[in-house]
N, C-alpha and C. Protein backbone atom coordinates (compact mmCIF):
# COMPACT_ATOMS: atom_id res chain seq x y z
N MET A 1 0.86 -1.30 0.03
CA MET A 1 0.03 0.12 -0.02
C MET A 1 0.90 1.18 -0.03
N SER A 2 0.58 2.15 -0.91
CA SER A 2 1.46 3.30 -0.94
C SER A 2 1.18 4.29 0.16
N GLU A 3 1.97 5.31 0.27
CA GLU A 3 1.82 6.36 1.37
C GLU A 3 0.46 7.12 1.08
N PHE A 4 0.33 7.48 -0.14
CA PHE A 4 -0.93 8.04 -0.52
C PHE A 4 -2.13 7.30 -0.03
N ASP A 5 -2.34 6.02 -0.42
CA ASP A 5 -3.34 5.02 0.00
C ASP A 5 -3.45 5.04 1.66
N LYS A 6 -2.38 5.04 2.17
CA LYS A 6 -2.48 5.04 3.68
C LYS A 6 -3.12 6.40 4.04
N ARG A 7 -2.63 7.48 3.64
CA ARG A 7 -3.22 8.79 4.03
C ARG A 7 -4.75 8.84 3.71
N GLN A 8 -5.28 8.25 2.44
CA GLN A 8 -6.57 8.45 1.99
C GLN A 8 -7.41 7.56 2.87
N LYS A 9 -6.96 6.32 3.38
CA LYS A 9 -7.82 5.50 4.21
C LYS A 9 -7.76 6.10 5.78
N GLY A 10 -6.72 6.92 6.12
CA GLY A 10 -6.63 7.61 7.30
C GLY A 10 -7.86 8.87 7.39
N PHE A 11 -7.93 9.61 6.18
CA PHE A 11 -8.81 10.75 6.09
C PHE A 11 -10.19 10.11 6.14
N GLU A 12 -10.40 8.95 5.36
CA GLU A 12 -11.88 8.14 5.18
C GLU A 12 -12.38 7.71 6.66
N LYS A 13 -11.23 7.28 7.40
CA LYS A 13 -11.58 6.77 8.73
C LYS A 13 -11.92 7.97 9.71
N LYS A 14 -11.34 9.02 9.59
CA LYS A 14 -11.64 10.27 10.17
C LYS A 14 -12.87 10.81 9.88
N HIS A 15 -13.03 10.91 8.77
CA HIS A 15 -14.39 11.35 8.11
C HIS A 15 -15.56 10.44 8.83
N VAL A 16 -15.56 9.17 8.70
CA VAL A 16 -16.52 8.38 9.43
C VAL A 16 -16.75 8.65 10.95
N MET A 17 -15.52 8.79 11.55
CA MET A 17 -15.66 9.05 12.93
C MET A 17 -16.40 10.42 13.26
N ASP A 18 -15.94 11.37 12.41
CA ASP A 18 -16.51 12.67 12.65
C ASP A 18 -18.08 12.67 12.38
N GLU A 19 -18.49 12.09 11.24
CA GLU A 19 -19.88 11.92 10.94
C GLU A 19 -20.66 11.03 12.18
N GLU A 20 -20.04 10.14 12.65
CA GLU A 20 -20.64 9.37 13.75
C GLU A 20 -20.75 10.16 14.97
N LYS A 21 -19.78 11.09 15.28
CA LYS A 21 -19.67 11.93 16.44
C LYS A 21 -20.90 12.99 16.32
N LYS A 22 -21.08 13.50 14.96
CA LYS A 22 -22.09 14.64 14.68
C LYS A 22 -23.49 13.98 14.85
N PHE A 23 -23.55 12.75 14.52
CA PHE A 23 -24.79 12.13 14.62
C PHE A 23 -25.25 11.98 16.14
N LYS A 24 -24.34 11.43 16.89
CA LYS A 24 -24.42 11.21 18.36
C LYS A 24 -24.91 12.66 18.93
N ILE A 25 -24.10 13.79 18.66
CA ILE A 25 -24.33 14.92 19.18
C ILE A 25 -25.72 15.37 18.82
N GLU A 26 -26.19 15.23 17.60
CA GLU A 26 -27.54 15.82 17.14
C GLU A 26 -28.70 15.14 17.96
N SER A 27 -28.39 13.60 18.16
CA SER A 27 -29.31 12.78 18.77
C SER A 27 -29.46 13.24 20.17
N ARG A 28 -28.36 13.41 20.81
CA ARG A 28 -28.33 13.83 22.33
C ARG A 28 -29.07 15.28 22.37
N ARG A 29 -28.81 16.11 21.32
CA ARG A 29 -29.48 17.47 21.44
C ARG A 29 -30.99 17.29 21.31
N ASN A 30 -31.55 16.31 20.45
CA ASN A 30 -32.65 16.20 20.22
C ASN A 30 -33.40 15.68 21.40
N LYS A 31 -32.72 14.90 22.30
CA LYS A 31 -33.14 14.20 23.52
C LYS A 31 -33.42 15.37 24.36
N TYR A 32 -32.28 16.25 24.51
CA TYR A 32 -32.54 17.37 25.41
C TYR A 32 -33.78 18.22 25.16
N ILE A 33 -33.88 18.53 23.85
CA ILE A 33 -34.99 19.34 23.33
C ILE A 33 -36.24 18.58 23.68
N GLY A 34 -36.19 17.39 23.48
CA GLY A 34 -37.65 16.67 23.79
C GLY A 34 -37.94 16.71 25.45
N GLU A 35 -36.81 16.63 26.11
CA GLU A 35 -37.06 16.95 27.49
C GLU A 35 -37.60 18.29 27.83
N TRP A 36 -36.93 19.21 27.24
CA TRP A 36 -37.32 20.69 27.58
C TRP A 36 -38.75 20.79 27.25
N VAL A 37 -39.05 20.52 25.99
CA VAL A 37 -40.48 20.66 25.50
C VAL A 37 -41.58 19.97 26.17
N SER A 38 -41.23 18.66 26.72
CA SER A 38 -41.99 17.83 27.47
C SER A 38 -42.26 18.59 28.92
N ASP A 39 -41.30 19.32 29.34
CA ASP A 39 -41.72 19.98 30.69
C ASP A 39 -42.53 21.05 30.47
N ILE A 40 -42.31 21.77 29.49
CA ILE A 40 -43.13 22.98 29.09
C ILE A 40 -44.69 22.47 28.85
N LEU A 41 -44.76 21.23 28.34
CA LEU A 41 -46.15 20.76 28.00
C LEU A 41 -46.62 19.95 29.14
N ASN A 42 -46.10 19.82 30.33
CA ASN A 42 -46.26 19.10 31.40
C ASN A 42 -46.62 17.53 31.24
N TYR A 43 -45.81 16.97 30.40
CA TYR A 43 -46.08 15.57 30.15
C TYR A 43 -45.54 14.67 31.19
N ASN A 44 -46.09 13.55 31.46
CA ASN A 44 -45.71 12.57 32.47
C ASN A 44 -44.65 11.73 31.60
N GLU A 45 -44.10 10.84 32.65
CA GLU A 45 -42.91 10.16 32.20
C GLU A 45 -43.02 9.32 31.01
N ASP A 46 -44.17 8.71 30.71
CA ASP A 46 -44.39 7.89 29.46
C ASP A 46 -44.62 8.78 28.27
N GLN A 47 -45.40 9.95 28.45
CA GLN A 47 -45.44 11.02 27.35
C GLN A 47 -44.12 11.41 27.07
N LYS A 48 -43.42 11.72 28.03
CA LYS A 48 -42.13 12.28 27.81
C LYS A 48 -41.08 11.42 26.90
N LYS A 49 -41.24 10.16 27.35
CA LYS A 49 -40.24 9.25 26.47
C LYS A 49 -40.64 9.20 25.09
N ASN A 50 -41.99 9.07 24.89
CA ASN A 50 -42.60 8.99 23.37
C ASN A 50 -42.32 10.24 22.77
N TYR A 51 -42.40 11.44 23.48
CA TYR A 51 -42.11 12.81 22.75
C TYR A 51 -40.67 12.82 22.30
N ILE A 52 -39.82 12.36 23.22
CA ILE A 52 -38.43 12.43 22.89
C ILE A 52 -38.11 11.74 21.61
N GLN A 53 -38.69 10.50 21.43
CA GLN A 53 -38.71 9.61 20.36
C GLN A 53 -39.12 10.31 19.07
N GLU A 54 -40.32 11.12 19.18
CA GLU A 54 -40.86 11.84 18.12
C GLU A 54 -40.00 12.90 17.62
N VAL A 55 -39.27 13.62 18.58
CA VAL A 55 -38.35 14.61 18.18
C VAL A 55 -37.03 14.11 17.29
N ILE A 56 -36.62 13.01 17.99
CA ILE A 56 -35.42 12.30 17.20
C ILE A 56 -35.95 11.86 15.91
N LYS A 57 -37.08 11.16 15.95
CA LYS A 57 -37.56 10.84 14.45
C LYS A 57 -37.62 12.12 13.55
N ALA A 58 -38.10 13.10 13.90
CA ALA A 58 -38.41 14.30 13.29
C ALA A 58 -37.20 14.72 12.47
N ASP A 59 -36.00 14.64 13.19
CA ASP A 59 -34.84 15.05 12.56
C ASP A 59 -34.41 14.27 11.19
N PHE A 60 -34.95 13.06 11.14
CA PHE A 60 -34.50 12.29 9.77
C PHE A 60 -35.29 12.58 8.57
N LYS A 61 -36.34 13.68 8.66
CA LYS A 61 -37.00 14.05 7.58
C LYS A 61 -36.40 14.68 6.62
N GLU A 62 -35.38 15.59 6.96
CA GLU A 62 -34.59 16.25 5.90
C GLU A 62 -33.34 16.76 6.52
N ALA A 63 -32.27 17.10 5.70
CA ALA A 63 -31.00 17.49 6.39
C ALA A 63 -31.24 18.72 7.06
N GLY A 64 -30.40 19.01 8.10
CA GLY A 64 -30.32 20.17 8.75
C GLY A 64 -31.42 20.18 9.97
N ASP A 65 -31.61 21.34 10.67
CA ASP A 65 -32.39 21.33 11.91
C ASP A 65 -33.85 21.79 11.73
N GLN A 66 -34.03 22.24 10.40
CA GLN A 66 -35.34 22.98 10.05
C GLN A 66 -36.50 21.93 10.42
N ASP A 67 -36.28 20.78 10.25
CA ASP A 67 -37.51 19.64 10.45
C ASP A 67 -37.74 19.65 11.98
N VAL A 68 -36.74 19.74 12.73
CA VAL A 68 -36.82 19.58 14.31
C VAL A 68 -37.52 20.99 14.71
N PHE A 69 -37.00 22.19 14.22
CA PHE A 69 -37.63 23.31 14.48
C PHE A 69 -39.00 23.61 14.31
N ARG A 70 -39.42 22.99 13.02
CA ARG A 70 -40.77 23.10 12.68
C ARG A 70 -41.76 22.39 13.53
N LYS A 71 -41.29 21.15 14.02
CA LYS A 71 -42.02 20.31 15.00
C LYS A 71 -42.28 20.94 16.38
N LEU A 72 -41.14 21.46 16.79
CA LEU A 72 -41.08 22.22 18.23
C LEU A 72 -42.11 23.33 18.08
N LYS A 73 -42.02 24.13 17.00
CA LYS A 73 -42.84 25.24 16.68
C LYS A 73 -44.23 24.96 16.86
N GLU A 74 -44.62 23.92 15.96
CA GLU A 74 -45.91 23.44 16.00
C GLU A 74 -46.42 23.02 17.46
N ASP A 75 -45.45 22.21 18.02
CA ASP A 75 -45.98 21.67 19.34
C ASP A 75 -46.14 22.82 20.50
N LEU A 76 -45.47 23.96 20.29
CA LEU A 76 -45.46 24.96 21.36
C LEU A 76 -46.25 26.09 20.92
N LYS A 77 -46.94 26.07 19.74
CA LYS A 77 -47.70 27.20 19.42
C LYS A 77 -48.69 27.57 20.47
N SER A 78 -49.28 26.64 21.16
CA SER A 78 -50.27 27.12 22.30
C SER A 78 -49.60 27.79 23.42
N LYS A 79 -48.28 27.73 23.63
CA LYS A 79 -47.56 28.32 24.65
C LYS A 79 -47.03 29.71 24.29
N ASN A 80 -47.19 30.09 23.06
CA ASN A 80 -46.69 31.39 22.54
C ASN A 80 -45.31 31.59 22.77
N ILE A 81 -44.45 30.59 22.68
CA ILE A 81 -42.99 30.70 22.68
C ILE A 81 -42.47 31.20 21.29
N PRO A 82 -41.81 32.38 21.36
CA PRO A 82 -41.14 32.94 20.21
C PRO A 82 -40.08 32.03 19.47
N ASP A 83 -40.13 32.27 18.17
CA ASP A 83 -39.00 31.36 17.25
C ASP A 83 -37.77 31.53 17.81
N GLU A 84 -37.45 32.84 18.10
CA GLU A 84 -35.97 33.15 18.65
C GLU A 84 -35.64 32.20 19.93
N GLU A 85 -36.69 32.15 20.82
CA GLU A 85 -36.37 31.36 21.97
C GLU A 85 -36.13 29.95 21.71
N ILE A 86 -36.94 29.35 20.73
CA ILE A 86 -36.88 28.00 20.35
C ILE A 86 -35.35 27.76 19.64
N ARG A 87 -35.11 28.58 18.77
CA ARG A 87 -33.73 28.59 18.22
C ARG A 87 -32.50 28.69 19.17
N LYS A 88 -32.80 29.61 19.99
CA LYS A 88 -31.70 29.79 21.11
C LYS A 88 -31.53 28.51 22.00
N LYS A 89 -32.67 28.06 22.47
CA LYS A 89 -32.58 26.84 23.25
C LYS A 89 -31.95 25.62 22.58
N MET A 90 -32.27 25.49 21.19
CA MET A 90 -31.65 24.43 20.31
C MET A 90 -30.18 24.68 20.30
N ASP A 91 -29.69 25.85 20.14
CA ASP A 91 -28.36 26.21 20.06
C ASP A 91 -27.74 25.83 21.42
N GLU A 92 -28.40 26.13 22.45
CA GLU A 92 -27.87 26.02 23.84
C GLU A 92 -27.69 24.55 24.12
N LEU A 93 -28.84 23.80 23.81
CA LEU A 93 -28.67 22.41 23.96
C LEU A 93 -27.75 21.52 23.13
N ASN A 94 -27.45 22.12 21.90
CA ASN A 94 -26.50 21.54 20.98
C ASN A 94 -25.06 21.63 21.58
N GLU A 95 -24.91 22.92 22.20
CA GLU A 95 -23.45 23.03 22.96
C GLU A 95 -23.33 22.14 24.04
N LYS A 96 -24.59 21.87 24.83
CA LYS A 96 -24.40 20.94 25.94
C LYS A 96 -24.15 19.46 25.50
N ALA A 97 -24.70 19.15 24.32
CA ALA A 97 -24.67 17.91 23.79
C ALA A 97 -23.11 17.68 23.28
N LYS A 98 -22.55 18.61 22.69
CA LYS A 98 -21.15 18.74 22.28
C LYS A 98 -20.24 18.46 23.39
N THR A 99 -20.56 19.02 24.55
CA THR A 99 -19.62 18.86 25.82
C THR A 99 -19.69 17.39 26.38
N ASP A 100 -20.92 16.74 25.94
CA ASP A 100 -21.07 15.31 26.40
C ASP A 100 -20.11 14.54 25.73
N PHE A 101 -19.72 14.80 24.61
CA PHE A 101 -18.98 13.94 23.59
C PHE A 101 -17.48 14.43 23.52
N SER A 102 -17.01 15.48 24.25
CA SER A 102 -15.72 15.96 24.16
C SER A 102 -14.79 15.39 25.08
């Protein structure tokens, strides 16, 4: 195996590891977001578990965070929580999730 091939394999391996870490961070963030919204909506433990799974699944609809944001916005519309607060909380919980994996 040439030096170039070894370097290429190394970069590919790093890319896979980076993508896996990104996925774990996003999933953890979605868990935290689900907990946050569940508390606002006064869900019991079973409802909370189900809601967290709904948020995690919502993230698979399209690339990026917009799908999760739309779900949260819809679910919180009766609570009159501004978009900016939802986005700020998403960012805050993303940073918390990053620290979980650093």
